[in-house]
Amino acid sequence: MQTANIAVAKNQFSRLIDQVKQGESILITERNRPVARLEPLLVHSAALESLYADGLLTPPKSRLDLVAFLAMPAPSLSADHSLTQAVIAEREESR
């Protein structure tokens, strides 16, 4: 992810927007502290819209917090339980 301070962002906004259009994310900083992020909007395809309409897929409620996700404990598996069984059990717990 590219970083730009506020002065650069103000002076080169059009160039930064062009980079965002190409799929890049830009972190805006003030005194080396992050204050904002420019990132491309997600465009839904017709295939995704069809899955949403059919109820086979639901859009995410928020962006994935990767740090929190990776900090979550991994499921413990014993020799007599498979990963598939663990996923099914986890899904049933959250219903």
PDB file of N, CA and C in Angstrom:
ATOM      1  N   MET A   1       0.850  -1.167   0.000  1.00  0.00           N
ATOM      2  CA  MET A   1       0.000   0.000   0.000  1.00  0.00           C
ATOM      3  C   MET A   1       0.896   1.229   0.000  1.00  0.00           C
ATOM      4  N   GLN A   2       0.583   2.142  -0.893  1.00  0.00           N
ATOM      5  CA  GLN A   2       1.347   3.382  -0.988  1.00  0.00           C
ATOM      6  C   GLN A   2       0.922   4.330   0.127  1.00  0.00           C
ATOM      7  N   THR A   3       1.847   5.164   0.582  1.00  0.00           N
ATOM      8  CA  THR A   3       1.569   6.153   1.613  1.00  0.00           C
ATOM      9  C   THR A   3       1.818   7.546   1.061  1.00  0.00           C
ATOM     10  N   ALA A   4       0.965   8.497   1.431  1.00  0.00           N
ATOM     11  CA  ALA A   4       1.140   9.901   1.034  1.00  0.00           C
ATOM     12  C   ALA A   4       0.739  10.776   2.206  1.00  0.00           C
ATOM     13  N   ASN A   5       1.551  11.807   2.473  1.00  0.00           N
ATOM     14  CA  ASN A   5       1.144  12.715   3.535  1.00  0.00           C
ATOM     15  C   ASN A   5       0.088  13.677   2.991  1.00  0.00           C
ATOM     16  N   ILE A   6      -0.530  14.436   3.879  1.00  0.00           N
ATOM     17  CA  ILE A   6      -1.648  15.294   3.479  1.00  0.00           C
ATOM     18  C   ILE A   6      -1.228  16.306   2.417  1.00  0.00           C
ATOM     19  N   ALA A   7      -0.050  16.894   2.547  1.00  0.00           N
ATOM     20  CA  ALA A   7       0.402  17.891   1.559  1.00  0.00           C
ATOM     21  C   ALA A   7       0.500  17.268   0.170  1.00  0.00           C
ATOM     22  N   VAL A   8       1.082  16.081   0.090  1.00  0.00           N
ATOM     23  CA  VAL A   8       1.188  15.390  -1.203  1.00  0.00           C
ATOM     24  C   VAL A   8      -0.198  15.036  -1.726  1.00  0.00           C
ATOM     25  N   ALA A   9      -1.066  14.550  -0.839  1.00  0.00           N
ATOM     26  CA  ALA A   9      -2.423  14.178  -1.251  1.00  0.00           C
ATOM     27  C   ALA A   9      -3.171  15.384  -1.817  1.00  0.00           C
ATOM     28  N   LYS A  10      -3.020  16.543  -1.189  1.00  0.00           N
ATOM     29  CA  LYS A  10      -3.684  17.757  -1.687  1.00  0.00           C
ATOM     30  C   LYS A  10      -3.123  18.179  -3.042  1.00  0.00           C
ATOM     31  N   ASN A  11      -1.808  18.116  -3.184  1.00  0.00           N
ATOM     32  CA  ASN A  11      -1.165  18.587  -4.414  1.00  0.00           C
ATOM     33  C   ASN A  11      -1.245  17.599  -5.566  1.00  0.00           C
ATOM     34  N   GLN A  12      -1.383  16.323  -5.259  1.00  0.00           N
ATOM     35  CA  GLN A  12      -1.365  15.303  -6.308  1.00  0.00           C
ATOM     36  C   GLN A  12      -2.600  14.414  -6.246  1.00  0.00           C
ATOM     37  N   PHE A  13      -3.721  14.995  -5.853  1.00  0.00           N
ATOM     38  CA  PHE A  13      -4.947  14.221  -5.668  1.00  0.00           C
ATOM     39  C   PHE A  13      -5.358  13.475  -6.940  1.00  0.00           C
ATOM     40  N   SER A  14      -5.310  14.152  -8.086  1.00  0.00           N
ATOM     41  CA  SER A  14      -5.726  13.505  -9.343  1.00  0.00           C
ATOM     42  C   SER A  14      -4.859  12.288  -9.651  1.00  0.00           C
ATOM     43  N   ARG A  15      -3.559  12.405  -9.429  1.00  0.00           N
ATOM     44  CA  ARG A  15      -2.662  11.278  -9.691  1.00  0.00           C
ATOM     45  C   ARG A  15      -2.977  10.124  -8.730  1.00  0.00           C
ATOM     46  N   LEU A  16      -3.245  10.446  -7.466  1.00  0.00           N
ATOM     47  CA  LEU A  16      -3.580   9.409  -6.494  1.00  0.00           C
ATOM     48  C   LEU A  16      -4.894   8.711  -6.869  1.00  0.00           C
ATOM     49  N   ILE A  17      -5.868   9.492  -7.315  1.00  0.00           N
ATOM     50  CA  ILE A  17      -7.144   8.898  -7.734  1.00  0.00           C
ATOM     51  C   ILE A  17      -6.932   7.977  -8.930  1.00  0.00           C
ATOM     52  N   ASP A  18      -6.070   8.359  -9.864  1.00  0.00           N
ATOM     53  CA  ASP A  18      -5.762   7.481 -11.001  1.00  0.00           C
ATOM     54  C   ASP A  18      -5.175   6.156 -10.522  1.00  0.00           C
ATOM     55  N   GLN A  19      -4.321   6.207  -9.508  1.00  0.00           N
ATOM     56  CA  GLN A  19      -3.736   4.980  -8.965  1.00  0.00           C
ATOM     57  C   GLN A  19      -4.813   4.120  -8.290  1.00  0.00           C
ATOM     58  N   VAL A  20      -5.737   4.768  -7.592  1.00  0.00           N
ATOM     59  CA  VAL A  20      -6.830   4.039  -6.947  1.00  0.00           C
ATOM     60  C   VAL A  20      -7.702   3.370  -8.007  1.00  0.00           C
ATOM     61  N   LYS A  21      -7.931   4.060  -9.112  1.00  0.00           N
ATOM     62  CA  LYS A  21      -8.715   3.471 -10.205  1.00  0.00           C
ATOM     63  C   LYS A  21      -8.052   2.212 -10.753  1.00  0.00           C
ATOM     64  N   GLN A  22      -6.736   2.138 -10.627  1.00  0.00           N
ATOM     65  CA  GLN A  22      -5.996   0.963 -11.090  1.00  0.00           C
ATOM     66  C   GLN A  22      -5.964  -0.151 -10.038  1.00  0.00           C
ATOM     67  N   GLY A  23      -6.618   0.082  -8.885  1.00  0.00           N
ATOM     68  CA  GLY A  23      -6.717  -0.964  -7.870  1.00  0.00           C
ATOM     69  C   GLY A  23      -5.848  -0.767  -6.652  1.00  0.00           C
ATOM     70  N   GLU A  24      -5.031   0.293  -6.612  1.00  0.00           N
ATOM     71  CA  GLU A  24      -4.164   0.525  -5.466  1.00  0.00           C
ATOM     72  C   GLU A  24      -4.918   1.168  -4.315  1.00  0.00           C
ATOM     73  N   SER A  25      -4.437   0.958  -3.116  1.00  0.00           N
ATOM     74  CA  SER A  25      -4.931   1.664  -1.937  1.00  0.00           C
ATOM     75  C   SER A  25      -3.855   2.642  -1.503  1.00  0.00           C
ATOM     76  N   ILE A  26      -4.272   3.826  -1.064  1.00  0.00           N
ATOM     77  CA  ILE A  26      -3.339   4.865  -0.650  1.00  0.00           C
ATOM     78  C   ILE A  26      -3.636   5.217   0.803  1.00  0.00           C
ATOM     79  N   LEU A  27      -2.636   5.132   1.658  1.00  0.00           N
ATOM     80  CA  LEU A  27      -2.772   5.504   3.058  1.00  0.00           C
ATOM     81  C   LEU A  27      -2.367   6.966   3.193  1.00  0.00           C
ATOM     82  N   ILE A  28      -3.258   7.803   3.721  1.00  0.00           N
ATOM     83  CA  ILE A  28      -2.986   9.216   3.918  1.00  0.00           C
ATOM     84  C   ILE A  28      -2.526   9.402   5.364  1.00  0.00           C
ATOM     85  N   THR A  29      -1.391  10.088   5.524  1.00  0.00           N
ATOM     86  CA  THR A  29      -0.843  10.287   6.860  1.00  0.00           C
ATOM     87  C   THR A  29      -0.718  11.772   7.195  1.00  0.00           C
ATOM     88  N   GLU A  30      -0.723  12.037   8.491  1.00  0.00           N
ATOM     89  CA  GLU A  30      -0.455  13.381   9.008  1.00  0.00           C
ATOM     90  C   GLU A  30       0.586  13.221  10.103  1.00  0.00           C
ATOM     91  N   ARG A  31       1.734  13.818   9.900  1.00  0.00           N
ATOM     92  CA  ARG A  31       2.863  13.673  10.833  1.00  0.00           C
ATOM     93  C   ARG A  31       3.183  12.194  11.077  1.00  0.00           C
ATOM     94  N   ASN A  32       3.194  11.447   9.986  1.00  0.00           N
ATOM     95  CA  ASN A  32       3.517  10.012   9.985  1.00  0.00           C
ATOM     96  C   ASN A  32       2.499   9.134  10.707  1.00  0.00           C
ATOM     97  N   ARG A  33       1.308   9.668  10.976  1.00  0.00           N
ATOM     98  CA  ARG A  33       0.239   8.857  11.574  1.00  0.00           C
ATOM     99  C   ARG A  33      -0.880   8.692  10.562  1.00  0.00           C
ATOM    100  N   PRO A  34      -1.365   7.465  10.366  1.00  0.00           N
ATOM    101  CA  PRO A  34      -2.460   7.241   9.411  1.00  0.00           C
ATOM    102  C   PRO A  34      -3.724   7.986   9.841  1.00  0.00           C
ATOM    103  N   VAL A  35      -4.356   8.666   8.875  1.00  0.00           N
ATOM    104  CA  VAL A  35      -5.606   9.367   9.160  1.00  0.00           C
ATOM    105  C   VAL A  35      -6.726   8.978   8.197  1.00  0.00           C
ATOM    106  N   ALA A  36      -6.381   8.457   7.035  1.00  0.00           N
ATOM    107  CA  ALA A  36      -7.403   8.085   6.047  1.00  0.00           C
ATOM    108  C   ALA A  36      -6.808   7.098   5.063  1.00  0.00           C
ATOM    109  N   ARG A  37      -7.705   6.473   4.302  1.00  0.00           N
ATOM    110  CA  ARG A  37      -7.258   5.535   3.270  1.00  0.00           C
ATOM    111  C   ARG A  37      -8.132   5.732   2.042  1.00  0.00           C
ATOM    112  N   LEU A  38      -7.492   5.887   0.893  1.00  0.00           N
ATOM    113  CA  LEU A  38      -8.198   5.926  -0.387  1.00  0.00           C
ATOM    114  C   LEU A  38      -8.112   4.532  -0.978  1.00  0.00           C
ATOM    115  N   GLU A  39      -9.254   3.956  -1.307  1.00  0.00           N
ATOM    116  CA  GLU A  39      -9.223   2.630  -1.911  1.00  0.00           C
ATOM    117  C   GLU A  39     -10.355   2.491  -2.912  1.00  0.00           C
ATOM    118  N   PRO A  40     -10.188   1.605  -3.886  1.00  0.00           N
ATOM    119  CA  PRO A  40     -11.214   1.452  -4.915  1.00  0.00           C
ATOM    120  C   PRO A  40     -12.508   0.900  -4.344  1.00  0.00           C
ATOM    121  N   LEU A  41     -13.603   1.316  -4.935  1.00  0.00           N
ATOM    122  CA  LEU A  41     -14.898   0.755  -4.579  1.00  0.00           C
ATOM    123  C   LEU A  41     -15.029  -0.621  -5.197  1.00  0.00           C
ATOM    124  N   LEU A  42     -15.676  -1.509  -4.482  1.00  0.00           N
ATOM    125  CA  LEU A  42     -15.917  -2.840  -5.021  1.00  0.00           C
ATOM    126  C   LEU A  42     -17.121  -2.777  -5.945  1.00  0.00           C
ATOM    127  N   VAL A  43     -16.949  -3.255  -7.139  1.00  0.00           N
ATOM    128  CA  VAL A  43     -18.043  -3.271  -8.107  1.00  0.00           C
ATOM    129  C   VAL A  43     -18.565  -4.699  -8.184  1.00  0.00           C
ATOM    130  N   HIS A  44     -19.863  -4.838  -8.014  1.00  0.00           N
ATOM    131  CA  HIS A  44     -20.464  -6.166  -8.055  1.00  0.00           C
ATOM    132  C   HIS A  44     -20.728  -6.569  -9.502  1.00  0.00           C
ATOM    133  N   SER A  45     -20.432  -7.797  -9.795  1.00  0.00           N
ATOM    134  CA  SER A  45     -20.692  -8.330 -11.124  1.00  0.00           C
ATOM    135  C   SER A  45     -22.126  -8.845 -11.195  1.00  0.00           C
ATOM    136  N   ALA A  46     -22.600  -9.091 -12.383  1.00  0.00           N
ATOM    137  CA  ALA A  46     -23.942  -9.635 -12.581  1.00  0.00           C
ATOM    138  C   ALA A  46     -24.063 -11.009 -11.916  1.00  0.00           C
ATOM    139  N   ALA A  47     -22.986 -11.788 -11.946  1.00  0.00           N
ATOM    140  CA  ALA A  47     -23.013 -13.112 -11.331  1.00  0.00           C
ATOM    141  C   ALA A  47     -23.199 -12.998  -9.816  1.00  0.00           C
ATOM    142  N   LEU A  48     -22.484 -12.049  -9.186  1.00  0.00           N
ATOM    143  CA  LEU A  48     -22.645 -11.862  -7.749  1.00  0.00           C
ATOM    144  C   LEU A  48     -24.048 -11.372  -7.413  1.00  0.00           C
ATOM    145  N   GLU A  49     -24.550 -10.428  -8.196  1.00  0.00           N
ATOM    146  CA  GLU A  49     -25.897  -9.910  -7.957  1.00  0.00           C
ATOM    147  C   GLU A  49     -26.932 -11.027  -8.057  1.00  0.00           C
ATOM    148  N   SER A  50     -26.736 -11.953  -8.985  1.00  0.00           N
ATOM    149  CA  SER A  50     -27.647 -13.082  -9.141  1.00  0.00           C
ATOM    150  C   SER A  50     -27.598 -13.992  -7.908  1.00  0.00           C
ATOM    151  N   LEU A  51     -26.404 -14.229  -7.384  1.00  0.00           N
ATOM    152  CA  LEU A  51     -26.270 -15.055  -6.179  1.00  0.00           C
ATOM    153  C   LEU A  51     -26.915 -14.377  -4.978  1.00  0.00           C
ATOM    154  N   TYR A  52     -26.759 -13.039  -4.880  1.00  0.00           N
ATOM    155  CA  TYR A  52     -27.411 -12.297  -3.799  1.00  0.00           C
ATOM    156  C   TYR A  52     -28.931 -12.414  -3.928  1.00  0.00           C
ATOM    157  N   ALA A  53     -29.445 -12.219  -5.140  1.00  0.00           N
ATOM    158  CA  ALA A  53     -30.890 -12.248  -5.379  1.00  0.00           C
ATOM    159  C   ALA A  53     -31.481 -13.626  -5.064  1.00  0.00           C
ATOM    160  N   ASP A  54     -30.719 -14.689  -5.354  1.00  0.00           N
ATOM    161  CA  ASP A  54     -31.196 -16.043  -5.099  1.00  0.00           C
ATOM    162  C   ASP A  54     -31.025 -16.467  -3.638  1.00  0.00           C
ATOM    163  N   GLY A  55     -30.402 -15.617  -2.826  1.00  0.00           N
ATOM    164  CA  GLY A  55     -30.188 -15.946  -1.424  1.00  0.00           C
ATOM    165  C   GLY A  55     -29.073 -16.941  -1.182  1.00  0.00           C
ATOM    166  N   LEU A  56     -28.249 -17.187  -2.196  1.00  0.00           N
ATOM    167  CA  LEU A  56     -27.147 -18.133  -2.051  1.00  0.00           C
ATOM    168  C   LEU A  56     -25.895 -17.480  -1.495  1.00  0.00           C
ATOM    169  N   LEU A  57     -25.877 -16.147  -1.486  1.00  0.00           N
ATOM    170  CA  LEU A  57     -24.725 -15.401  -1.027  1.00  0.00           C
ATOM    171  C   LEU A  57     -25.215 -14.140  -0.345  1.00  0.00           C
ATOM    172  N   THR A  58     -24.569 -13.766   0.731  1.00  0.00           N
ATOM    173  CA  THR A  58     -24.917 -12.503   1.382  1.00  0.00           C
ATOM    174  C   THR A  58     -23.690 -11.610   1.385  1.00  0.00           C
ATOM    175  N   PRO A  59     -23.878 -10.313   1.148  1.00  0.00           N
ATOM    176  CA  PRO A  59     -22.719  -9.417   1.128  1.00  0.00           C
ATOM    177  C   PRO A  59     -22.127  -9.274   2.527  1.00  0.00           C
ATOM    178  N   PRO A  60     -20.843  -8.981   2.619  1.00  0.00           N
ATOM    179  CA  PRO A  60     -20.232  -8.828   3.939  1.00  0.00           C
ATOM    180  C   PRO A  60     -20.799  -7.613   4.663  1.00  0.00           C
ATOM    181  N   LYS A  61     -20.888  -7.699   5.978  1.00  0.00           N
ATOM    182  CA  LYS A  61     -21.387  -6.578   6.781  1.00  0.00           C
ATOM    183  C   LYS A  61     -20.299  -5.547   7.026  1.00  0.00           C
ATOM    184  N   SER A  62     -19.043  -5.970   6.977  1.00  0.00           N
ATOM    185  CA  SER A  62     -17.920  -5.052   7.165  1.00  0.00           C
ATOM    186  C   SER A  62     -16.679  -5.672   6.539  1.00  0.00           C
ATOM    187  N   ARG A  63     -15.630  -4.872   6.466  1.00  0.00           N
ATOM    188  CA  ARG A  63     -14.368  -5.382   5.923  1.00  0.00           C
ATOM    189  C   ARG A  63     -13.727  -6.338   6.925  1.00  0.00           C
ATOM    190  N   LEU A  64     -12.993  -7.300   6.415  1.00  0.00           N
ATOM    191  CA  LEU A  64     -12.308  -8.266   7.251  1.00  0.00           C
ATOM    192  C   LEU A  64     -11.161  -7.591   7.992  1.00  0.00           C
ATOM    193  N   ASP A  65     -11.149  -7.724   9.308  1.00  0.00           N
ATOM    194  CA  ASP A  65     -10.030  -7.254  10.120  1.00  0.00           C
ATOM    195  C   ASP A  65      -9.027  -8.408  10.147  1.00  0.00           C
ATOM    196  N   LEU A  66      -8.049  -8.341   9.253  1.00  0.00           N
ATOM    197  CA  LEU A  66      -7.123  -9.452   9.073  1.00  0.00           C
ATOM    198  C   LEU A  66      -6.320  -9.739  10.337  1.00  0.00           C
ATOM    199  N   VAL A  67      -5.908  -8.708  11.056  1.00  0.00           N
ATOM    200  CA  VAL A  67      -5.130  -8.912  12.280  1.00  0.00           C
ATOM    201  C   VAL A  67      -5.957  -9.682  13.313  1.00  0.00           C
ATOM    202  N   ALA A  68      -7.213  -9.266  13.491  1.00  0.00           N
ATOM    203  CA  ALA A  68      -8.079  -9.962  14.456  1.00  0.00           C
ATOM    204  C   ALA A  68      -8.367 -11.388  13.998  1.00  0.00           C
ATOM    205  N   PHE A  69      -8.566 -11.565  12.688  1.00  0.00           N
ATOM    206  CA  PHE A  69      -8.846 -12.899  12.162  1.00  0.00           C
ATOM    207  C   PHE A  69      -7.676 -13.846  12.417  1.00  0.00           C
ATOM    208  N   LEU A  70      -6.464 -13.371  12.137  1.00  0.00           N
ATOM    209  CA  LEU A  70      -5.290 -14.220  12.323  1.00  0.00           C
ATOM    210  C   LEU A  70      -4.991 -14.473  13.797  1.00  0.00           C
ATOM    211  N   ALA A  71      -5.483 -13.600  14.683  1.00  0.00           N
ATOM    212  CA  ALA A  71      -5.265 -13.779  16.117  1.00  0.00           C
ATOM    213  C   ALA A  71      -6.249 -14.775  16.729  1.00  0.00           C
ATOM    214  N   MET A  72      -7.298 -15.122  15.996  1.00  0.00           N
ATOM    215  CA  MET A  72      -8.290 -16.063  16.520  1.00  0.00           C
ATOM    216  C   MET A  72      -7.662 -17.443  16.695  1.00  0.00           C
ATOM    217  N   PRO A  73      -8.061 -18.160  17.737  1.00  0.00           N
ATOM    218  CA  PRO A  73      -7.490 -19.500  17.929  1.00  0.00           C
ATOM    219  C   PRO A  73      -7.979 -20.459  16.844  1.00  0.00           C
ATOM    220  N   ALA A  74      -7.082 -21.295  16.405  1.00  0.00           N
ATOM    221  CA  ALA A  74      -7.441 -22.303  15.407  1.00  0.00           C
ATOM    222  C   ALA A  74      -8.227 -23.412  16.088  1.00  0.00           C
ATOM    223  N   PRO A  75      -9.172 -24.019  15.374  1.00  0.00           N
ATOM    224  CA  PRO A  75      -9.914 -25.119  15.988  1.00  0.00           C
ATOM    225  C   PRO A  75      -8.985 -26.297  16.274  1.00  0.00           C
ATOM    226  N   SER A  76      -9.211 -26.941  17.402  1.00  0.00           N
ATOM    227  CA  SER A  76      -8.393 -28.107  17.730  1.00  0.00           C
ATOM    228  C   SER A  76      -9.062 -29.345  17.140  1.00  0.00           C
ATOM    229  N   LEU A  77      -8.277 -30.159  16.510  1.00  0.00           N
ATOM    230  CA  LEU A  77      -8.786 -31.369  15.872  1.00  0.00           C
ATOM    231  C   LEU A  77      -8.132 -32.583  16.520  1.00  0.00           C
ATOM    232  N   SER A  78      -8.941 -33.570  16.786  1.00  0.00           N
ATOM    233  CA  SER A  78      -8.397 -34.821  17.303  1.00  0.00           C
ATOM    234  C   SER A  78      -8.341 -35.825  16.155  1.00  0.00           C
ATOM    235  N   ALA A  79      -7.764 -36.964  16.419  1.00  0.00           N
ATOM    236  CA  ALA A  79      -7.598 -37.968  15.379  1.00  0.00           C
ATOM    237  C   ALA A  79      -8.928 -38.490  14.846  1.00  0.00           C
ATOM    238  N   ASP A  80      -9.971 -38.454  15.693  1.00  0.00           N
ATOM    239  CA  ASP A  80     -11.256 -38.990  15.247  1.00  0.00           C
ATOM    240  C   ASP A  80     -12.198 -37.916  14.698  1.00  0.00           C
ATOM    241  N   HIS A  81     -11.752 -36.671  14.552  1.00  0.00           N
ATOM    242  CA  HIS A  81     -12.572 -35.606  13.978  1.00  0.00           C
ATOM    243  C   HIS A  81     -11.862 -34.997  12.778  1.00  0.00           C
ATOM    244  N   SER A  82     -12.622 -34.743  11.737  1.00  0.00           N
ATOM    245  CA  SER A  82     -12.041 -34.159  10.535  1.00  0.00           C
ATOM    246  C   SER A  82     -12.252 -32.657  10.526  1.00  0.00           C
ATOM    247  N   LEU A  83     -11.547 -31.973   9.663  1.00  0.00           N
ATOM    248  CA  LEU A  83     -11.721 -30.533   9.495  1.00  0.00           C
ATOM    249  C   LEU A  83     -13.139 -30.231   9.029  1.00  0.00           C
ATOM    250  N   THR A  84     -13.676 -31.069   8.173  1.00  0.00           N
ATOM    251  CA  THR A  84     -15.044 -30.881   7.689  1.00  0.00           C
ATOM    252  C   THR A  84     -16.031 -30.923   8.846  1.00  0.00           C
ATOM    253  N   GLN A  85     -15.870 -31.867   9.742  1.00  0.00           N
ATOM    254  CA  GLN A  85     -16.751 -31.962  10.908  1.00  0.00           C
ATOM    255  C   GLN A  85     -16.619 -30.723  11.792  1.00  0.00           C
ATOM    256  N   ALA A  86     -15.407 -30.194  11.937  1.00  0.00           N
ATOM    257  CA  ALA A  86     -15.190 -28.991  12.748  1.00  0.00           C
ATOM    258  C   ALA A  86     -15.887 -27.786  12.131  1.00  0.00           C
ATOM    259  N   VAL A  87     -15.824 -27.646  10.813  1.00  0.00           N
ATOM    260  CA  VAL A  87     -16.490 -26.535  10.127  1.00  0.00           C
ATOM    261  C   VAL A  87     -17.999 -26.643  10.283  1.00  0.00           C
ATOM    262  N   ILE A  88     -18.534 -27.835  10.097  1.00  0.00           N
ATOM    263  CA  ILE A  88     -19.977 -28.050  10.244  1.00  0.00           C
ATOM    264  C   ILE A  88     -20.412 -27.729  11.669  1.00  0.00           C
ATOM    265  N   ALA A  89     -19.658 -28.163  12.665  1.00  0.00           N
ATOM    266  CA  ALA A  89     -20.006 -27.888  14.064  1.00  0.00           C
ATOM    267  C   ALA A  89     -19.960 -26.392  14.350  1.00  0.00           C
ATOM    268  N   GLU A  90     -18.962 -25.697  13.820  1.00  0.00           N
ATOM    269  CA  GLU A  90     -18.861 -24.252  14.027  1.00  0.00           C
ATOM    270  C   GLU A  90     -20.035 -23.512  13.390  1.00  0.00           C
ATOM    271  N   ARG A  91     -20.430 -23.941  12.225  1.00  0.00           N
ATOM    272  CA  ARG A  91     -21.576 -23.327  11.557  1.00  0.00           C
ATOM    273  C   ARG A  91     -22.868 -23.543  12.351  1.00  0.00           C
ATOM    274  N   GLU A  92     -23.024 -24.723  12.880  1.00  0.00           N
ATOM    275  CA  GLU A  92     -24.229 -25.030  13.658  1.00  0.00           C
ATOM    276  C   GLU A  92     -24.273 -24.230  14.957  1.00  0.00           C
ATOM    277  N   GLU A  93     -23.110 -23.968  15.552  1.00  0.00           N
ATOM    278  CA  GLU A  93     -23.043 -23.195  16.789  1.00  0.00           C
ATOM    279  C   GLU A  93     -23.493 -21.742  16.555  1.00  0.00           C
ATOM    280  N   SER A  94     -23.198 -21.212  15.392  1.00  0.00           N
ATOM    281  CA  SER A  94     -23.487 -19.787  15.146  1.00  0.00           C
ATOM    282  C   SER A  94     -24.903 -19.562  14.636  1.00  0.00           C
ATOM    283  N   ARG A  95     -25.704 -20.585  14.514  1.00  0.00           N
ATOM    284  CA  ARG A  95     -27.086 -20.420  14.031  1.00  0.00           C
ATOM    285  C   ARG A  95     -28.004 -20.051  15.154  1.00  0.00           C
TER     286      ARG A  95
END
